[in-house]
Amino acid sequence: MSVECARVGGINLAQGVCDTPVPPVVRQAAQAAIEEGANVYSRAEGVDALRQQLAAKMRRHNGLDYDWQSEIVVTSGATAAFYVAALALLEPGDEVILLEPYYGYHSNTLHAVDAVPRYVALDPPDWRLSLDALEAVVNERTRGIVINTPGNPSGKVFTRAELEAVRDFAVAHDLIVFTDEVYQHFVFDGREHLSPAAIDGMRERCIVLSALSKTFARLFVIPVLAPSTAVSRTPAFSSSPRVR
């Protein structure tokens, strides 16, 4: 889609290509790391110093306390982050609710792991969420819901009241809540970003996807934050000390 969009000179809503400049401090730190020889394989879950800083960031900006050793994993790109979370927690045929308009890679990733996206349209122009519409699609195969806030491509910023309603819905149907918060620092008109996991009763069922790529204009690293309670509810992983 991005190639076709470039060919016709369109506005690309399919891929989050960041066209802002990389901050000088980030460029200089990357250059220094190369000169210092930091160019070998890192640990699969991310280097300790980075995960420690990510935990501090989540406390500072999101009001969430995650253990950097057991609840934070670093992946190569947001698509990889969602893919590994979906692969770990979903079985073929499981259904996951996507809110339209949705980010294309969310749907593509679910198809890639043989999960089934179920679509619920938000109501324009302010993209309101209808609980009746959610209840209309949920069934015994429904395993999760994706909350993208701020939303791509809509720009929708979910309010506390909306997230509390999602909490009640997720608790009632025992759903995993995958939250894509890549654009959390891109809020305007006095709005504030609120992490769904910060809502009472949501932390234990949220898989938080966040990123450096948009804020710092670098397409390379995404933290995945997964409380052990959410992972341990999945039968295939409930006895795995490595995951827990």
Protein backbone atom coordinates (compact mmCIF):
# COMPACT_ATOMS: atom_id res chain seq x y z
CA MET A 1 0.00 0.00 0.00
CA SER A 2 2.84 2.41 0.79
CA VAL A 3 4.46 1.78 -2.60
CA GLU A 4 1.17 2.35 -4.41
CA CYS A 5 0.49 5.48 -2.37
CA ALA A 6 3.87 6.91 -3.34
CA ARG A 7 3.22 6.09 -7.00
CA VAL A 8 -0.01 8.08 -7.16
CA GLY A 9 1.07 10.84 -4.77
CA GLY A 10 -1.55 10.03 -2.16
CA ILE A 11 -1.74 10.60 1.58
CA ASN A 12 -0.44 7.44 3.23
CA LEU A 13 -2.69 6.23 6.05
CA ALA A 14 -1.45 2.65 5.76
CA GLN A 15 2.02 2.98 7.30
CA GLY A 16 3.27 5.19 10.09
CA VAL A 17 6.27 6.63 8.29
CA CYS A 18 7.75 9.30 10.54
CA ASP A 19 8.98 12.35 8.61
CA THR A 20 10.15 14.42 11.57
CA PRO A 21 13.90 14.97 12.14
CA VAL A 22 15.81 12.72 14.54
CA PRO A 23 16.75 14.76 17.64
CA PRO A 24 20.49 15.59 17.72
CA VAL A 25 20.99 13.85 21.09
CA VAL A 26 19.65 10.60 19.62
CA ARG A 27 21.86 10.83 16.52
CA GLN A 28 24.93 11.61 18.61
CA ALA A 29 24.27 8.74 21.02
CA ALA A 30 23.86 6.30 18.12
CA GLN A 31 27.10 7.49 16.55
CA ALA A 32 28.92 7.19 19.86
CA ALA A 33 27.63 3.65 20.36
CA ILE A 34 28.97 2.64 16.94
CA GLU A 35 32.36 4.14 17.72
CA GLU A 36 32.42 2.32 21.07
CA GLY A 37 31.82 -1.03 19.41
CA ALA A 38 28.21 -1.62 20.51
CA ASN A 39 27.47 -3.55 17.35
CA VAL A 40 27.11 -7.20 18.39
CA TYR A 41 24.01 -9.29 19.09
CA SER A 42 22.07 -8.10 22.11
CA ARG A 43 19.99 -10.21 24.45
CA ALA A 44 16.79 -11.48 22.85
CA GLU A 45 14.57 -9.62 25.34
CA GLY A 46 16.59 -6.37 25.11
CA VAL A 47 19.60 -5.05 26.99
CA ASP A 48 19.18 -4.48 30.72
CA ALA A 49 19.88 -0.75 30.68
CA LEU A 50 17.23 -0.11 28.04
CA ARG A 51 14.55 -2.15 29.80
CA GLN A 52 15.34 -0.38 33.08
CA GLN A 53 14.87 2.99 31.37
CA LEU A 54 11.64 1.80 29.77
CA ALA A 55 10.31 0.83 33.19
CA ALA A 56 11.23 4.30 34.49
CA LYS A 57 9.51 5.91 31.50
CA MET A 58 6.31 3.95 32.13
CA ARG A 59 6.29 5.11 35.75
CA ARG A 60 7.00 8.72 34.81
CA HIS A 61 4.68 9.18 31.83
CA ASN A 62 2.05 6.46 32.19
CA GLY A 63 1.72 5.95 35.94
CA LEU A 64 2.44 2.24 35.57
CA ASP A 65 4.92 0.14 37.52
CA TYR A 66 6.38 -2.76 35.49
CA ASP A 67 9.20 -5.05 36.53
CA TRP A 68 11.89 -4.57 33.90
CA GLN A 69 13.21 -8.12 34.27
CA SER A 70 9.97 -10.07 33.95
CA GLU A 71 7.44 -7.77 32.28
CA ILE A 72 9.29 -5.82 29.56
CA VAL A 73 10.54 -7.17 26.23
CA VAL A 74 12.11 -5.15 23.41
CA THR A 75 11.31 -6.09 19.81
CA SER A 76 12.35 -4.89 16.38
CA GLY A 77 9.38 -2.86 15.27
CA ALA A 78 5.74 -2.46 16.33
CA THR A 79 4.53 -5.12 13.92
CA ALA A 80 6.92 -7.62 15.49
CA ALA A 81 5.73 -6.59 18.95
CA PHE A 82 2.08 -7.27 18.16
CA TYR A 83 2.98 -10.42 16.22
CA VAL A 84 4.90 -12.06 19.07
CA ALA A 85 2.21 -11.11 21.60
CA ALA A 86 -0.53 -12.50 19.36
CA LEU A 87 1.46 -15.63 18.58
CA ALA A 88 2.01 -16.27 22.29
CA LEU A 89 -1.51 -15.61 23.50
CA LEU A 90 -3.85 -16.56 20.66
CA GLU A 91 -4.82 -19.90 19.16
CA PRO A 92 -5.87 -20.42 15.52
CA GLY A 93 -9.50 -19.41 15.18
CA ASP A 94 -9.49 -17.09 18.19
CA GLU A 95 -11.29 -13.83 17.47
CA VAL A 96 -9.98 -10.35 18.28
CA ILE A 97 -12.05 -7.18 18.01
CA LEU A 98 -10.63 -4.31 15.94
CA LEU A 99 -12.16 -0.84 16.04
CA GLU A 100 -12.64 0.84 12.66
CA PRO A 101 -10.91 2.81 11.29
CA TYR A 102 -8.05 0.52 12.28
CA TYR A 103 -4.34 0.36 11.55
CA GLY A 104 -3.84 -2.10 8.70
CA TYR A 105 -1.02 -4.05 10.30
CA HIS A 106 -3.28 -5.00 13.21
CA SER A 107 -5.57 -6.87 10.85
CA ASN A 108 -2.69 -8.31 8.81
CA THR A 109 -0.96 -9.58 11.95
CA LEU A 110 -4.07 -11.35 13.20
CA HIS A 111 -4.46 -13.07 9.85
CA ALA A 112 -0.77 -14.04 9.95
CA VAL A 113 -1.27 -15.96 13.22
CA ASP A 114 -4.52 -17.54 12.00
CA ALA A 115 -6.65 -15.45 14.33
CA VAL A 116 -9.89 -13.88 13.13
CA PRO A 117 -10.43 -10.10 13.29
CA ARG A 118 -13.96 -8.95 14.10
CA TYR A 119 -14.68 -5.34 13.19
CA VAL A 120 -16.65 -2.75 15.15
CA ALA A 121 -17.03 0.70 13.59
CA LEU A 122 -16.51 3.81 15.71
CA ASP A 123 -19.09 6.56 15.13
CA PRO A 124 -17.78 9.66 13.34
CA PRO A 125 -17.06 12.51 13.56
CA ASP A 126 -15.68 12.06 17.10
CA TRP A 127 -15.27 8.28 16.73
CA ARG A 128 -17.47 7.30 19.66
CA LEU A 129 -17.41 3.70 20.86
CA SER A 130 -20.72 1.84 21.00
CA LEU A 131 -20.91 -0.81 23.71
CA ASP A 132 -23.94 -2.29 21.98
CA ALA A 133 -21.83 -2.81 18.87
CA LEU A 134 -19.16 -4.57 20.95
CA GLU A 135 -21.73 -6.86 22.53
CA ALA A 136 -23.11 -7.68 19.09
CA VAL A 137 -19.85 -9.28 17.90
CA VAL A 138 -18.55 -10.98 21.05
CA ASN A 139 -18.97 -14.75 21.26
CA GLU A 140 -17.35 -17.85 22.77
CA ARG A 141 -14.38 -17.55 20.37
CA THR A 142 -13.61 -13.93 21.25
CA ARG A 143 -10.22 -13.76 22.96
CA GLY A 144 -9.20 -10.10 22.84
CA ILE A 145 -9.67 -6.53 21.73
CA VAL A 146 -7.18 -4.00 20.31
CA ILE A 147 -7.30 -0.45 21.68
CA ASN A 148 -5.20 1.97 19.62
CA THR A 149 -4.96 5.29 21.48
CA PRO A 150 -4.17 7.80 20.11
CA GLY A 151 -5.59 6.07 17.05
CA ASN A 152 -4.02 5.64 13.65
CA PRO A 153 -5.44 6.83 11.27
CA SER A 154 -8.33 8.53 13.11
CA GLY A 155 -6.39 10.39 15.81
CA LYS A 156 -8.98 9.17 18.32
CA VAL A 157 -7.90 9.66 21.95
CA PHE A 158 -9.94 7.45 24.26
CA THR A 159 -11.36 9.11 27.36
CA ARG A 160 -11.30 7.67 30.86
CA ALA A 161 -15.03 6.94 30.65
CA GLU A 162 -14.55 5.03 27.40
CA LEU A 163 -11.64 3.03 28.78
CA GLU A 164 -13.61 2.19 31.89
CA ALA A 165 -16.39 0.90 29.64
CA VAL A 166 -13.83 -1.20 27.73
CA ARG A 167 -12.59 -2.49 31.10
CA ASP A 168 -16.07 -3.57 32.10
CA PHE A 169 -16.57 -5.27 28.72
CA ALA A 170 -13.19 -7.03 28.87
CA VAL A 171 -13.76 -8.24 32.44
CA ALA A 172 -17.25 -9.49 31.64
CA HIS A 173 -15.94 -11.58 28.73
CA ASP A 174 -12.45 -12.32 30.13
CA LEU A 175 -10.62 -10.70 27.22
CA ILE A 176 -6.99 -9.76 26.66
CA VAL A 177 -6.63 -6.06 25.83
CA PHE A 178 -3.83 -5.32 23.35
CA THR A 179 -3.05 -1.60 23.59
CA ASP A 180 -1.14 0.21 20.84
CA GLU A 181 0.13 3.47 22.33
CA VAL A 182 2.79 4.33 19.76
CA TYR A 183 1.43 7.88 19.35
CA GLN A 184 0.97 8.67 23.03
CA HIS A 185 2.98 11.90 22.83
CA PHE A 186 1.06 13.15 19.76
CA VAL A 187 -1.98 14.69 21.46
CA PHE A 188 -3.49 18.10 20.75
CA ASP A 189 -6.35 20.44 21.70
CA GLY A 190 -5.87 19.92 25.42
CA ARG A 191 -6.40 16.16 25.28
CA GLU A 192 -4.37 13.83 27.48
CA HIS A 193 -3.22 10.31 26.78
CA LEU A 194 -4.34 7.74 29.33
CA SER A 195 -2.90 4.23 29.21
CA PRO A 196 -5.69 1.64 29.33
CA ALA A 197 -3.56 -0.41 31.74
CA ALA A 198 -3.74 2.49 34.23
CA ILE A 199 -7.49 1.99 34.60
CA ASP A 200 -8.37 0.04 37.75
CA GLY A 201 -8.72 -3.65 36.94
CA MET A 202 -7.01 -3.41 33.54
CA ARG A 203 -3.31 -3.91 34.24
CA GLU A 204 -3.57 -7.67 34.65
CA ARG A 205 -5.21 -8.16 31.25
CA CYS A 206 -3.35 -5.54 29.14
CA ILE A 207 -0.49 -6.18 26.73
CA VAL A 208 0.99 -2.71 26.20
CA LEU A 209 2.72 -1.90 22.91
CA SER A 210 4.68 1.35 22.95
CA ALA A 211 7.50 2.78 20.84
CA LEU A 212 10.41 5.12 20.40
CA SER A 213 9.99 5.16 16.64
CA LYS A 214 7.48 7.99 16.29
CA THR A 215 8.56 10.20 19.18
CA PHE A 216 12.24 10.06 18.16
CA ALA A 217 11.76 9.42 14.41
CA ARG A 218 13.55 6.07 14.54
CA LEU A 219 11.99 2.90 13.19
CA PHE A 220 13.68 0.27 15.28
CA VAL A 221 12.64 -0.50 18.82
CA ILE A 222 9.34 -1.24 20.53
CA PRO A 223 8.80 -2.30 24.14
CA VAL A 224 6.17 -4.91 24.89
CA LEU A 225 4.85 -4.80 28.44
CA ALA A 226 3.05 -7.91 29.59
CA PRO A 227 2.03 -8.56 33.19
CA SER A 228 2.66 -12.15 34.18
CA THR A 229 -0.98 -12.54 35.18
CA ALA A 230 -2.11 -12.00 31.58
CA VAL A 231 0.44 -14.43 30.17
CA SER A 232 -0.18 -17.09 32.82
CA ARG A 233 -3.87 -17.29 31.91
CA THR A 234 -2.86 -18.81 28.56
CA PRO A 235 -2.76 -22.64 28.91
CA ALA A 236 0.28 -23.13 26.68
CA PHE A 237 2.33 -20.81 28.87
CA SER A 238 0.87 -21.29 32.33
CA SER A 239 3.64 -23.68 33.41
CA SER A 240 6.54 -21.90 31.72
CA PRO A 241 8.93 -20.23 34.21
CA ARG A 242 10.66 -18.44 31.32
CA VAL A 243 7.52 -16.56 30.32
CA ARG A 244 6.19 -16.02 33.83
